[in-house]
Amino acid sequence: MHNQRLIRRTLHAMLLSVALFLCAPLHAQQPADSSRETGEVSRLTVEVSNEIYSPFCPGKTLMMCPSPNAAKVRRDIQDLAKKGLDKEEIKNQVVATYGEQFRIVEPPPKDNMMLIVLILIALVLAVVAVAFLSKRKKALATSTTKQENQAEDDTPLQDLSDDEKEYLRDLHIHLEE
């Protein structure tokens, strides 16, 4: 009798295990209260977290902030994404819930244009400086070569005879007059 009870319990346990094993995949395939796929929810969570400032880490976005409070906000963003809200709705919901300090304010277009103009001016100045320095280097190389060639052609005065030196003095005096 004791053996029959043990066999029955074992059989029931095995049947229950098989039933749970077969039902588990069916339960896992159904989305748990969501209208988006997991990949879409993750992508949207990352995008929104990169576009919202974290008041817990000044100057950083929620994605870059290691604070536990920022992690909680990221989970809230993920929950909102699972519910099917789009990116702007999620941002507005986070700002409404946690405060205006989360909102990233884009710089005005005028500031961006000024930055582009400054970069272009710096680029033009760099090109002009490179051109000027390369011409200067070429001119120095040419004058050095001319000086070397002229130095080879010049005869030192100490190698001249006395008659040649006197002739050069007379020529010099004549040219000065």
C-alpha atoms as a PDB file:
ATOM      1  CA  MET A   1       0.000   0.000   0.000  1.00  0.00           C
ATOM      2  CA  HIS A   2       2.796   2.318   0.852  1.00  0.00           C
ATOM      3  CA  ASN A   3       4.475   1.517  -2.467  1.00  0.00           C
ATOM      4  CA  GLN A   4       1.276   2.239  -4.422  1.00  0.00           C
ATOM      5  CA  ARG A   5       0.942   5.628  -2.768  1.00  0.00           C
ATOM      6  CA  LEU A   6       4.579   6.459  -3.577  1.00  0.00           C
ATOM      7  CA  ILE A   7       4.090   5.375  -7.174  1.00  0.00           C
ATOM      8  CA  ARG A   8       0.892   7.442  -7.452  1.00  0.00           C
ATOM      9  CA  ARG A   9       2.602  10.572  -6.034  1.00  0.00           C
ATOM     10  CA  THR A  10       5.537  10.126  -8.351  1.00  0.00           C
ATOM     11  CA  LEU A  11       3.191   9.673 -11.312  1.00  0.00           C
ATOM     12  CA  HIS A  12       1.218  12.817 -10.335  1.00  0.00           C
ATOM     13  CA  ALA A  13       4.449  14.805  -9.944  1.00  0.00           C
ATOM     14  CA  MET A  14       5.644  13.669 -13.362  1.00  0.00           C
ATOM     15  CA  LEU A  15       2.326  14.532 -15.010  1.00  0.00           C
ATOM     16  CA  LEU A  16       2.324  17.939 -13.360  1.00  0.00           C
ATOM     17  CA  SER A  17       5.923  18.554 -14.511  1.00  0.00           C
ATOM     18  CA  VAL A  18       5.061  17.592 -18.094  1.00  0.00           C
ATOM     19  CA  ALA A  19       1.973  19.824 -18.042  1.00  0.00           C
ATOM     20  CA  LEU A  20       3.971  22.783 -16.737  1.00  0.00           C
ATOM     21  CA  PHE A  21       6.743  22.112 -19.247  1.00  0.00           C
ATOM     22  CA  LEU A  22       4.264  22.152 -22.128  1.00  0.00           C
ATOM     23  CA  CYS A  23       2.381  25.233 -20.902  1.00  0.00           C
ATOM     24  CA  ALA A  24       5.442  27.378 -20.150  1.00  0.00           C
ATOM     25  CA  PRO A  25       6.308  28.193 -23.804  1.00  0.00           C
ATOM     26  CA  LEU A  26       2.710  29.169 -24.525  1.00  0.00           C
ATOM     27  CA  HIS A  27       2.706  31.560 -21.599  1.00  0.00           C
ATOM     28  CA  ALA A  28       6.118  33.017 -22.509  1.00  0.00           C
ATOM     29  CA  GLN A  29       5.085  33.785 -26.088  1.00  0.00           C
ATOM     30  CA  GLN A  30       2.252  36.079 -25.047  1.00  0.00           C
ATOM     31  CA  PRO A  31       3.374  39.672 -24.512  1.00  0.00           C
ATOM     32  CA  ALA A  32       2.899  40.716 -20.922  1.00  0.00           C
ATOM     33  CA  ASP A  33       0.643  43.761 -21.142  1.00  0.00           C
ATOM     34  CA  SER A  34       2.587  45.383 -24.002  1.00  0.00           C
ATOM     35  CA  SER A  35       1.901  46.545 -27.480  1.00  0.00           C
ATOM     36  CA  ARG A  36       5.573  46.665 -28.579  1.00  0.00           C
ATOM     37  CA  GLU A  37       8.262  44.053 -29.118  1.00  0.00           C
ATOM     38  CA  THR A  38      11.210  43.900 -26.711  1.00  0.00           C
ATOM     39  CA  GLY A  39      13.723  45.216 -29.253  1.00  0.00           C
ATOM     40  CA  GLU A  40      11.530  48.211 -30.053  1.00  0.00           C
ATOM     41  CA  VAL A  41      11.046  48.959 -26.329  1.00  0.00           C
ATOM     42  CA  SER A  42      14.811  48.789 -25.732  1.00  0.00           C
ATOM     43  CA  ARG A  43      15.599  51.007 -28.719  1.00  0.00           C
ATOM     44  CA  LEU A  44      13.028  53.593 -27.665  1.00  0.00           C
ATOM     45  CA  THR A  45      14.254  53.523 -24.043  1.00  0.00           C
ATOM     46  CA  VAL A  46      17.842  54.158 -25.162  1.00  0.00           C
ATOM     47  CA  GLU A  47      16.816  56.987 -27.517  1.00  0.00           C
ATOM     48  CA  VAL A  48      14.735  58.782 -24.895  1.00  0.00           C
ATOM     49  CA  SER A  49      17.400  58.257 -22.205  1.00  0.00           C
ATOM     50  CA  ASN A  50      19.962  59.881 -24.506  1.00  0.00           C
ATOM     51  CA  GLU A  51      17.673  62.851 -25.166  1.00  0.00           C
ATOM     52  CA  ILE A  52      16.806  63.721 -21.553  1.00  0.00           C
ATOM     53  CA  TYR A  53      19.115  65.308 -18.974  1.00  0.00           C
ATOM     54  CA  SER A  54      19.615  63.719 -15.591  1.00  0.00           C
ATOM     55  CA  PRO A  55      19.220  66.079 -12.632  1.00  0.00           C
ATOM     56  CA  PHE A  56      21.077  63.452 -10.587  1.00  0.00           C
ATOM     57  CA  CYS A  57      24.268  63.872 -12.677  1.00  0.00           C
ATOM     58  CA  PRO A  58      24.571  67.504 -13.859  1.00  0.00           C
ATOM     59  CA  GLY A  59      25.518  67.850 -17.508  1.00  0.00           C
ATOM     60  CA  LYS A  60      24.872  64.173 -18.326  1.00  0.00           C
ATOM     61  CA  THR A  61      21.968  62.444 -19.981  1.00  0.00           C
ATOM     62  CA  LEU A  62      19.963  59.764 -18.203  1.00  0.00           C
ATOM     63  CA  MET A  63      21.797  57.108 -20.231  1.00  0.00           C
ATOM     64  CA  MET A  64      25.212  58.282 -18.991  1.00  0.00           C
ATOM     65  CA  CYS A  65      24.209  58.799 -15.339  1.00  0.00           C
ATOM     66  CA  PRO A  66      25.117  55.907 -12.979  1.00  0.00           C
ATOM     67  CA  SER A  67      22.800  57.142 -10.198  1.00  0.00           C
ATOM     68  CA  PRO A  68      20.167  54.685  -8.888  1.00  0.00           C
ATOM     69  CA  ASN A  69      17.587  57.464  -9.251  1.00  0.00           C
ATOM     70  CA  ALA A  70      18.449  57.750 -12.951  1.00  0.00           C
ATOM     71  CA  ALA A  71      18.046  53.970 -13.266  1.00  0.00           C
ATOM     72  CA  LYS A  72      14.550  54.296 -11.791  1.00  0.00           C
ATOM     73  CA  VAL A  73      13.647  56.950 -14.383  1.00  0.00           C
ATOM     74  CA  ARG A  74      15.017  54.710 -17.153  1.00  0.00           C
ATOM     75  CA  ARG A  75      12.781  51.876 -15.895  1.00  0.00           C
ATOM     76  CA  ASP A  76       9.828  54.274 -15.937  1.00  0.00           C
ATOM     77  CA  ILE A  77      10.701  55.187 -19.538  1.00  0.00           C
ATOM     78  CA  GLN A  78      10.829  51.492 -20.393  1.00  0.00           C
ATOM     79  CA  ASP A  79       7.398  50.936 -18.824  1.00  0.00           C
ATOM     80  CA  LEU A  80       5.967  53.855 -20.813  1.00  0.00           C
ATOM     81  CA  ALA A  81       7.488  52.438 -24.001  1.00  0.00           C
ATOM     82  CA  LYS A  82       5.927  49.044 -23.252  1.00  0.00           C
ATOM     83  CA  LYS A  83       2.529  50.731 -22.950  1.00  0.00           C
ATOM     84  CA  GLY A  84       2.892  51.979 -26.519  1.00  0.00           C
ATOM     85  CA  LEU A  85       3.637  55.692 -26.034  1.00  0.00           C
ATOM     86  CA  ASP A  86       5.761  57.327 -28.720  1.00  0.00           C
ATOM     87  CA  LYS A  87       9.042  59.128 -28.034  1.00  0.00           C
ATOM     88  CA  GLU A  88       7.659  62.665 -27.604  1.00  0.00           C
ATOM     89  CA  GLU A  89       4.842  61.446 -25.359  1.00  0.00           C
ATOM     90  CA  ILE A  90       7.358  59.611 -23.170  1.00  0.00           C
ATOM     91  CA  LYS A  91       9.572  62.701 -22.909  1.00  0.00           C
ATOM     92  CA  ASN A  92       6.600  64.888 -22.005  1.00  0.00           C
ATOM     93  CA  GLN A  93       5.430  62.335 -19.415  1.00  0.00           C
ATOM     94  CA  VAL A  94       8.886  62.189 -17.794  1.00  0.00           C
ATOM     95  CA  VAL A  95       9.141  65.984 -17.686  1.00  0.00           C
ATOM     96  CA  ALA A  96       5.620  66.221 -16.253  1.00  0.00           C
ATOM     97  CA  THR A  97       6.373  63.581 -13.608  1.00  0.00           C
ATOM     98  CA  TYR A  98       9.915  64.551 -12.560  1.00  0.00           C
ATOM     99  CA  GLY A  99      10.259  68.217 -13.489  1.00  0.00           C
ATOM    100  CA  GLU A 100      11.451  70.591 -16.159  1.00  0.00           C
ATOM    101  CA  GLN A 101      15.144  70.044 -15.310  1.00  0.00           C
ATOM    102  CA  PHE A 102      14.992  66.834 -17.383  1.00  0.00           C
ATOM    103  CA  ARG A 103      14.279  68.698 -20.635  1.00  0.00           C
ATOM    104  CA  ILE A 104      17.165  69.187 -23.040  1.00  0.00           C
ATOM    105  CA  VAL A 105      16.975  72.614 -24.641  1.00  0.00           C
ATOM    106  CA  GLU A 106      18.468  72.800 -28.125  1.00  0.00           C
ATOM    107  CA  PRO A 107      20.698  75.833 -28.771  1.00  0.00           C
ATOM    108  CA  PRO A 108      19.149  78.391 -31.096  1.00  0.00           C
ATOM    109  CA  PRO A 109      20.082  78.041 -34.792  1.00  0.00           C
ATOM    110  CA  LYS A 110      21.899  81.393 -34.631  1.00  0.00           C
ATOM    111  CA  ASP A 111      24.432  79.891 -32.195  1.00  0.00           C
ATOM    112  CA  ASN A 112      24.981  76.928 -34.506  1.00  0.00           C
ATOM    113  CA  MET A 113      25.564  79.203 -37.520  1.00  0.00           C
ATOM    114  CA  MET A 114      28.073  81.277 -35.563  1.00  0.00           C
ATOM    115  CA  LEU A 115      29.953  78.108 -34.627  1.00  0.00           C
ATOM    116  CA  ILE A 116      30.056  76.973 -38.260  1.00  0.00           C
ATOM    117  CA  VAL A 117      31.339  80.397 -39.380  1.00  0.00           C
ATOM    118  CA  LEU A 118      34.080  80.315 -36.730  1.00  0.00           C
ATOM    119  CA  ILE A 119      35.148  76.837 -37.812  1.00  0.00           C
ATOM    120  CA  LEU A 120      35.306  77.931 -41.476  1.00  0.00           C
ATOM    121  CA  ILE A 121      37.359  81.035 -40.596  1.00  0.00           C
ATOM    122  CA  ALA A 122      39.789  78.902 -38.581  1.00  0.00           C
ATOM    123  CA  LEU A 123      40.076  76.466 -41.494  1.00  0.00           C
ATOM    124  CA  VAL A 124      40.844  79.266 -43.984  1.00  0.00           C
ATOM    125  CA  LEU A 125      43.456  80.756 -41.631  1.00  0.00           C
ATOM    126  CA  ALA A 126      45.103  77.353 -41.248  1.00  0.00           C
ATOM    127  CA  VAL A 127      45.300  76.878 -45.037  1.00  0.00           C
ATOM    128  CA  VAL A 128      46.759  80.379 -45.502  1.00  0.00           C
ATOM    129  CA  ALA A 129      49.336  79.746 -42.763  1.00  0.00           C
ATOM    130  CA  VAL A 130      50.412  76.456 -44.338  1.00  0.00           C
ATOM    131  CA  ALA A 131      50.732  78.082 -47.786  1.00  0.00           C
ATOM    132  CA  PHE A 132      52.734  81.014 -46.358  1.00  0.00           C
ATOM    133  CA  LEU A 133      55.084  78.765 -44.406  1.00  0.00           C
ATOM    134  CA  SER A 134      55.693  76.452 -47.362  1.00  0.00           C
ATOM    135  CA  LYS A 135      56.538  79.414 -49.652  1.00  0.00           C
ATOM    136  CA  ARG A 136      58.835  80.827 -46.984  1.00  0.00           C
ATOM    137  CA  LYS A 137      60.607  77.501 -46.611  1.00  0.00           C
ATOM    138  CA  LYS A 138      61.027  77.244 -50.378  1.00  0.00           C
ATOM    139  CA  ALA A 139      62.431  80.804 -50.536  1.00  0.00           C
ATOM    140  CA  LEU A 140      64.900  80.058 -47.723  1.00  0.00           C
ATOM    141  CA  ALA A 141      66.033  76.897 -49.470  1.00  0.00           C
ATOM    142  CA  THR A 142      66.542  78.794 -52.749  1.00  0.00           C
ATOM    143  CA  SER A 143      68.551  81.620 -51.105  1.00  0.00           C
ATOM    144  CA  THR A 144      70.697  79.108 -49.211  1.00  0.00           C
ATOM    145  CA  THR A 145      71.462  77.320 -52.474  1.00  0.00           C
ATOM    146  CA  LYS A 146      72.386  80.633 -54.161  1.00  0.00           C
ATOM    147  CA  GLN A 147      74.681  81.561 -51.250  1.00  0.00           C
ATOM    148  CA  GLU A 148      76.412  78.185 -51.446  1.00  0.00           C
ATOM    149  CA  ASN A 149      76.918  78.548 -55.199  1.00  0.00           C
ATOM    150  CA  GLN A 150      78.220  82.130 -54.777  1.00  0.00           C
ATOM    151  CA  ALA A 151      80.576  81.057 -51.994  1.00  0.00           C
ATOM    152  CA  GLU A 152      82.103  78.447 -54.312  1.00  0.00           C
ATOM    153  CA  ASP A 153      82.645  81.109 -57.006  1.00  0.00           C
ATOM    154  CA  ASP A 154      84.270  83.709 -54.660  1.00  0.00           C
ATOM    155  CA  THR A 155      87.990  83.604 -54.272  1.00  0.00           C
ATOM    156  CA  PRO A 156      89.234  84.464 -50.784  1.00  0.00           C
ATOM    157  CA  LEU A 157      91.226  87.716 -50.621  1.00  0.00           C
ATOM    158  CA  GLN A 158      94.193  86.100 -48.933  1.00  0.00           C
ATOM    159  CA  ASP A 159      94.792  83.941 -52.041  1.00  0.00           C
ATOM    160  CA  LEU A 160      95.211  87.104 -54.185  1.00  0.00           C
ATOM    161  CA  SER A 161      98.532  88.575 -55.074  1.00  0.00           C
ATOM    162  CA  ASP A 162      99.443  92.100 -54.033  1.00  0.00           C
ATOM    163  CA  ASP A 163      98.867  93.421 -57.584  1.00  0.00           C
ATOM    164  CA  GLU A 164      95.354  91.919 -57.616  1.00  0.00           C
ATOM    165  CA  LYS A 165      94.545  93.406 -54.235  1.00  0.00           C
ATOM    166  CA  GLU A 166      95.731  96.859 -55.384  1.00  0.00           C
ATOM    167  CA  TYR A 167      93.632  96.566 -58.535  1.00  0.00           C
ATOM    168  CA  LEU A 168      90.546  95.749 -56.455  1.00  0.00           C
ATOM    169  CA  ARG A 169      91.184  98.774 -54.167  1.00  0.00           C
ATOM    170  CA  ASP A 170      91.474 101.091 -57.144  1.00  0.00           C
ATOM    171  CA  LEU A 171      88.310  99.634 -58.634  1.00  0.00           C
ATOM    172  CA  HIS A 172      86.489 100.095 -55.348  1.00  0.00           C
ATOM    173  CA  ILE A 173      87.597 103.742 -55.066  1.00  0.00           C
ATOM    174  CA  HIS A 174      86.615 104.375 -58.667  1.00  0.00           C
ATOM    175  CA  LEU A 175      83.112 102.914 -58.071  1.00  0.00           C
ATOM    176  CA  GLU A 176      82.537 105.023 -54.960  1.00  0.00           C
ATOM    177  CA  GLU A 177      83.158 108.253 -56.874  1.00  0.00           C
END
